[in-house]
C-alpha atoms as a PDB file:
ATOM      1  CA  UNK A   1       3.495 -45.510   7.949  1.00  0.00           C
ATOM      2  CA  UNK A   2       0.579 -43.392   8.729  1.00  0.00           C
ATOM      3  CA  UNK A   3      -1.685 -42.464   5.967  1.00  0.00           C
ATOM      4  CA  UNK A   4      -3.092 -38.773   5.513  1.00  0.00           C
ATOM      5  CA  UNK A   5      -6.878 -38.869   5.416  1.00  0.00           C
ATOM      6  CA  UNK A   6      -8.180 -36.494   2.700  1.00  0.00           C
ATOM      7  CA  UNK A   7      -9.975 -33.410   3.894  1.00  0.00           C
ATOM      8  CA  UNK A   8     -12.609 -31.454   1.959  1.00  0.00           C
ATOM      9  CA  UNK A   9     -11.200 -28.310   3.299  1.00  0.00           C
ATOM     10  CA  UNK A  10      -9.239 -26.537   0.614  1.00  0.00           C
ATOM     11  CA  UNK A  11      -7.547 -24.253   2.963  1.00  0.00           C
ATOM     12  CA  UNK A  12      -6.407 -27.215   5.129  1.00  0.00           C
ATOM     13  CA  UNK A  13      -5.088 -28.919   2.103  1.00  0.00           C
ATOM     14  CA  UNK A  14      -3.085 -26.056   0.781  1.00  0.00           C
ATOM     15  CA  UNK A  15      -1.653 -25.110   4.131  1.00  0.00           C
ATOM     16  CA  UNK A  16      -0.450 -28.625   4.875  1.00  0.00           C
ATOM     17  CA  UNK A  17       1.118 -28.978   1.503  1.00  0.00           C
ATOM     18  CA  UNK A  18       2.754 -25.434   1.698  1.00  0.00           C
ATOM     19  CA  UNK A  19       4.121 -26.324   5.096  1.00  0.00           C
ATOM     20  CA  UNK A  20       5.677 -29.460   3.869  1.00  0.00           C
ATOM     21  CA  UNK A  21       7.034 -27.803   0.793  1.00  0.00           C
ATOM     22  CA  UNK A  22       8.470 -24.880   2.630  1.00  0.00           C
ATOM     23  CA  UNK A  23      10.273 -27.528   4.876  1.00  0.00           C
ATOM     24  CA  UNK A  24      12.267 -28.987   1.742  1.00  0.00           C
ATOM     25  CA  UNK A  25      13.188 -25.422   0.667  1.00  0.00           C
ATOM     26  CA  UNK A  26      14.081 -24.397   4.200  1.00  0.00           C
ATOM     27  CA  UNK A  27      16.400 -27.518   4.659  1.00  0.00           C
ATOM     28  CA  UNK A  28      18.217 -26.550   1.460  1.00  0.00           C
ATOM     29  CA  UNK A  29      18.551 -22.796   2.133  1.00  0.00           C
ATOM     30  CA  UNK A  30      19.612 -23.425   5.764  1.00  0.00           C
ATOM     31  CA  UNK A  31      23.161 -24.318   4.389  1.00  0.00           C
ATOM     32  CA  UNK A  32      23.555 -20.524   3.433  1.00  0.00           C
ATOM     33  CA  UNK A  33      21.513 -19.377   6.569  1.00  0.00           C
ATOM     34  CA  UNK A  34      18.591 -18.220   4.906  1.00  0.00           C
ATOM     35  CA  UNK A  35      14.916 -19.119   5.194  1.00  0.00           C
ATOM     36  CA  UNK A  36      12.502 -19.533   2.229  1.00  0.00           C
ATOM     37  CA  UNK A  37      10.850 -16.499   3.241  1.00  0.00           C
ATOM     38  CA  UNK A  38      14.074 -14.387   3.187  1.00  0.00           C
ATOM     39  CA  UNK A  39      15.119 -15.884  -0.044  1.00  0.00           C
ATOM     40  CA  UNK A  40      11.741 -14.987  -1.574  1.00  0.00           C
ATOM     41  CA  UNK A  41      11.875 -11.390  -0.420  1.00  0.00           C
ATOM     42  CA  UNK A  42      15.445 -11.055  -1.703  1.00  0.00           C
ATOM     43  CA  UNK A  43      14.666 -12.581  -5.074  1.00  0.00           C
ATOM     44  CA  UNK A  44      11.561 -10.261  -5.644  1.00  0.00           C
ATOM     45  CA  UNK A  45      13.541  -7.292  -4.598  1.00  0.00           C
ATOM     46  CA  UNK A  46      16.173  -8.106  -7.228  1.00  0.00           C
ATOM     47  CA  UNK A  47      13.969  -6.765  -9.918  1.00  0.00           C
ATOM     48  CA  UNK A  48      14.639  -3.251  -8.837  1.00  0.00           C
ATOM     49  CA  UNK A  49      13.444  -0.825  -6.168  1.00  0.00           C
ATOM     50  CA  UNK A  50       9.886  -1.345  -5.035  1.00  0.00           C
ATOM     51  CA  UNK A  51       7.579   0.538  -3.019  1.00  0.00           C
ATOM     52  CA  UNK A  52       6.892  -1.514   0.317  1.00  0.00           C
ATOM     53  CA  UNK A  53       3.276  -1.835  -0.537  1.00  0.00           C
ATOM     54  CA  UNK A  54       3.958  -3.221  -4.079  1.00  0.00           C
ATOM     55  CA  UNK A  55       6.428  -5.639  -2.615  1.00  0.00           C
ATOM     56  CA  UNK A  56       3.873  -6.838   0.006  1.00  0.00           C
ATOM     57  CA  UNK A  57       1.141  -7.285  -2.780  1.00  0.00           C
ATOM     58  CA  UNK A  58       3.607  -9.060  -4.967  1.00  0.00           C
ATOM     59  CA  UNK A  59       4.550 -11.551  -2.074  1.00  0.00           C
ATOM     60  CA  UNK A  60       0.844 -11.955  -0.954  1.00  0.00           C
ATOM     61  CA  UNK A  61       1.808 -10.435   2.565  1.00  0.00           C
ATOM     62  CA  UNK A  62       0.421  -7.853   4.629  1.00  0.00           C
ATOM     63  CA  UNK A  63       2.486  -4.755   4.906  1.00  0.00           C
ATOM     64  CA  UNK A  64       3.115  -4.987   8.642  1.00  0.00           C
ATOM     65  CA  UNK A  65       4.110  -8.790   8.182  1.00  0.00           C
ATOM     66  CA  UNK A  66       6.489  -7.799   5.406  1.00  0.00           C
ATOM     67  CA  UNK A  67       7.872  -4.948   7.446  1.00  0.00           C
ATOM     68  CA  UNK A  68       8.632  -7.334  10.363  1.00  0.00           C
ATOM     69  CA  UNK A  69      10.336  -9.820   7.818  1.00  0.00           C
ATOM     70  CA  UNK A  70      12.506  -7.121   6.325  1.00  0.00           C
ATOM     71  CA  UNK A  71      14.267  -6.095   9.414  1.00  0.00           C
ATOM     72  CA  UNK A  72      16.692  -9.033   9.643  1.00  0.00           C
ATOM     73  CA  UNK A  73      17.532  -8.393   5.836  1.00  0.00           C
ATOM     74  CA  UNK A  74      17.899  -4.708   6.337  1.00  0.00           C
ATOM     75  CA  UNK A  75      20.207  -5.484   9.570  1.00  0.00           C
ATOM     76  CA  UNK A  76      22.304  -7.764   7.542  1.00  0.00           C
ATOM     77  CA  UNK A  77      22.757  -5.096   4.787  1.00  0.00           C
ATOM     78  CA  UNK A  78      21.190  -7.304   2.070  1.00  0.00           C
ATOM     79  CA  UNK A  79      18.454  -4.815   1.659  1.00  0.00           C
ATOM     80  CA  UNK A  80      18.143  -0.962   1.948  1.00  0.00           C
ATOM     81  CA  UNK A  81      15.203   1.133   2.660  1.00  0.00           C
ATOM     82  CA  UNK A  82      14.749   4.873   1.333  1.00  0.00           C
ATOM     83  CA  UNK A  83      11.927   7.229   1.301  1.00  0.00           C
ATOM     84  CA  UNK A  84       9.909   7.729  -2.007  1.00  0.00           C
ATOM     85  CA  UNK A  85       8.713  10.632  -3.698  1.00  0.00           C
ATOM     86  CA  UNK A  86       6.187  11.062  -1.012  1.00  0.00           C
ATOM     87  CA  UNK A  87       7.888  11.106   2.349  1.00  0.00           C
ATOM     88  CA  UNK A  88       5.264   8.461   3.612  1.00  0.00           C
ATOM     89  CA  UNK A  89       6.467   5.970   0.985  1.00  0.00           C
ATOM     90  CA  UNK A  90       9.078   3.526   1.701  1.00  0.00           C
ATOM     91  CA  UNK A  91      11.185   2.078  -1.027  1.00  0.00           C
ATOM     92  CA  UNK A  92      13.023  -1.325  -0.748  1.00  0.00           C
ATOM     93  CA  UNK A  93      16.097  -2.245  -2.897  1.00  0.00           C
ATOM     94  CA  UNK A  94      18.539  -5.058  -2.858  1.00  0.00           C
ATOM     95  CA  UNK A  95      22.156  -4.181  -1.992  1.00  0.00           C
ATOM     96  CA  UNK A  96      25.298  -5.648  -3.648  1.00  0.00           C
ATOM     97  CA  UNK A  97      25.866  -7.920  -0.668  1.00  0.00           C
ATOM     98  CA  UNK A  98      22.119  -9.009  -1.131  1.00  0.00           C
ATOM     99  CA  UNK A  99      22.688  -9.891  -4.698  1.00  0.00           C
ATOM    100  CA  UNK A 100      25.862 -11.883  -3.629  1.00  0.00           C
ATOM    101  CA  UNK A 101      23.554 -13.712  -0.984  1.00  0.00           C
ATOM    102  CA  UNK A 102      21.152 -14.665  -3.710  1.00  0.00           C
ATOM    103  CA  UNK A 103      23.784 -15.871  -5.879  1.00  0.00           C
ATOM    104  CA  UNK A 104      25.169 -18.290  -3.268  1.00  0.00           C
ATOM    105  CA  UNK A 105      21.680 -19.367  -2.268  1.00  0.00           C
ATOM    106  CA  UNK A 106      20.324 -20.125  -5.921  1.00  0.00           C
ATOM    107  CA  UNK A 107      21.876 -23.516  -6.177  1.00  0.00           C
ATOM    108  CA  UNK A 108      20.248 -24.604  -2.960  1.00  0.00           C
ATOM    109  CA  UNK A 109      17.019 -23.347  -4.050  1.00  0.00           C
ATOM    110  CA  UNK A 110      17.412 -25.132  -7.256  1.00  0.00           C
ATOM    111  CA  UNK A 111      18.053 -28.369  -5.427  1.00  0.00           C
ATOM    112  CA  UNK A 112      14.862 -27.876  -3.499  1.00  0.00           C
ATOM    113  CA  UNK A 113      12.977 -27.220  -6.535  1.00  0.00           C
ATOM    114  CA  UNK A 114      14.307 -30.362  -8.284  1.00  0.00           C
ATOM    115  CA  UNK A 115      13.468 -32.442  -5.195  1.00  0.00           C
ATOM    116  CA  UNK A 116       9.872 -31.291  -5.315  1.00  0.00           C
ATOM    117  CA  UNK A 117       9.658 -31.923  -9.023  1.00  0.00           C
ATOM    118  CA  UNK A 118      11.366 -35.463  -8.490  1.00  0.00           C
ATOM    119  CA  UNK A 119       8.601 -36.308  -5.936  1.00  0.00           C
ATOM    120  CA  UNK A 120       5.532 -34.863  -7.619  1.00  0.00           C
ATOM    121  CA  UNK A 121       6.580 -34.926 -11.285  1.00  0.00           C
ATOM    122  CA  UNK A 122       7.777 -32.202 -13.480  1.00  0.00           C
ATOM    123  CA  UNK A 123       4.470 -31.838 -15.394  1.00  0.00           C
ATOM    124  CA  UNK A 124       2.449 -32.065 -12.195  1.00  0.00           C
ATOM    125  CA  UNK A 125       4.542 -29.375 -10.645  1.00  0.00           C
ATOM    126  CA  UNK A 126       4.109 -26.949 -13.542  1.00  0.00           C
ATOM    127  CA  UNK A 127       0.258 -27.659 -13.515  1.00  0.00           C
ATOM    128  CA  UNK A 128       0.209 -26.883  -9.774  1.00  0.00           C
ATOM    129  CA  UNK A 129       2.058 -23.612 -10.277  1.00  0.00           C
ATOM    130  CA  UNK A 130      -0.357 -22.687 -13.127  1.00  0.00           C
ATOM    131  CA  UNK A 131      -3.425 -23.777 -10.948  1.00  0.00           C
ATOM    132  CA  UNK A 132      -2.230 -21.757  -7.993  1.00  0.00           C
ATOM    133  CA  UNK A 133      -1.632 -18.625 -10.143  1.00  0.00           C
ATOM    134  CA  UNK A 134      -5.294 -18.949 -11.572  1.00  0.00           C
ATOM    135  CA  UNK A 135      -6.640 -19.289  -8.010  1.00  0.00           C
ATOM    136  CA  UNK A 136      -4.526 -16.227  -6.867  1.00  0.00           C
ATOM    137  CA  UNK A 137      -6.065 -14.300  -9.701  1.00  0.00           C
ATOM    138  CA  UNK A 138      -9.541 -15.557  -9.096  1.00  0.00           C
ATOM    139  CA  UNK A 139      -9.400 -14.415  -5.434  1.00  0.00           C
ATOM    140  CA  UNK A 140      -8.487 -10.868  -6.388  1.00  0.00           C
ATOM    141  CA  UNK A 141     -10.778  -8.263  -7.691  1.00  0.00           C
ATOM    142  CA  UNK A 142     -10.554  -6.130 -10.794  1.00  0.00           C
ATOM    143  CA  UNK A 143      -8.330  -3.817  -8.970  1.00  0.00           C
ATOM    144  CA  UNK A 144      -5.894  -6.644  -8.111  1.00  0.00           C
ATOM    145  CA  UNK A 145      -6.617  -6.549  -4.432  1.00  0.00           C
ATOM    146  CA  UNK A 146      -7.941  -9.237  -2.246  1.00  0.00           C
ATOM    147  CA  UNK A 147     -11.400  -8.528  -1.063  1.00  0.00           C
ATOM    148  CA  UNK A 148     -12.342 -10.885   1.798  1.00  0.00           C
ATOM    149  CA  UNK A 149     -15.649  -9.152   2.364  1.00  0.00           C
ATOM    150  CA  UNK A 150     -16.735 -10.073  -1.247  1.00  0.00           C
ATOM    151  CA  UNK A 151     -16.875 -13.751  -0.292  1.00  0.00           C
ATOM    152  CA  UNK A 152     -19.392 -13.436   2.701  1.00  0.00           C
END
């Protein structure tokens, strides 16, 4: 069995782990024909109607990437889109069929979650989530926006 050599590059380490963890979740969610990305968007839309920009920020996505990822969910009728108070605003909300889709997918997500916790340990997984939240907060400015130029 090949062993992974450690890298001093934080980004490499995070991306490699994220790809592997995503595969576990994608494998489970495939049973209900959802990707982890689609599941995540639907789950975050459950909280109530959100402006497209707010949803993108919450998911840590660029607006254009989110727009591209919304299309299949809108086409499937799991999400709907409306104009906001300002005609330039787009408001995304989950539909009743989207809620049903999340309900059918949740046990599969829970199995993936349990698999990661069994492999890594429950306490280590909780600590990892905490540390990643701290990192995400540290990378954002006082206004909550990521400012890549501030790091150069």
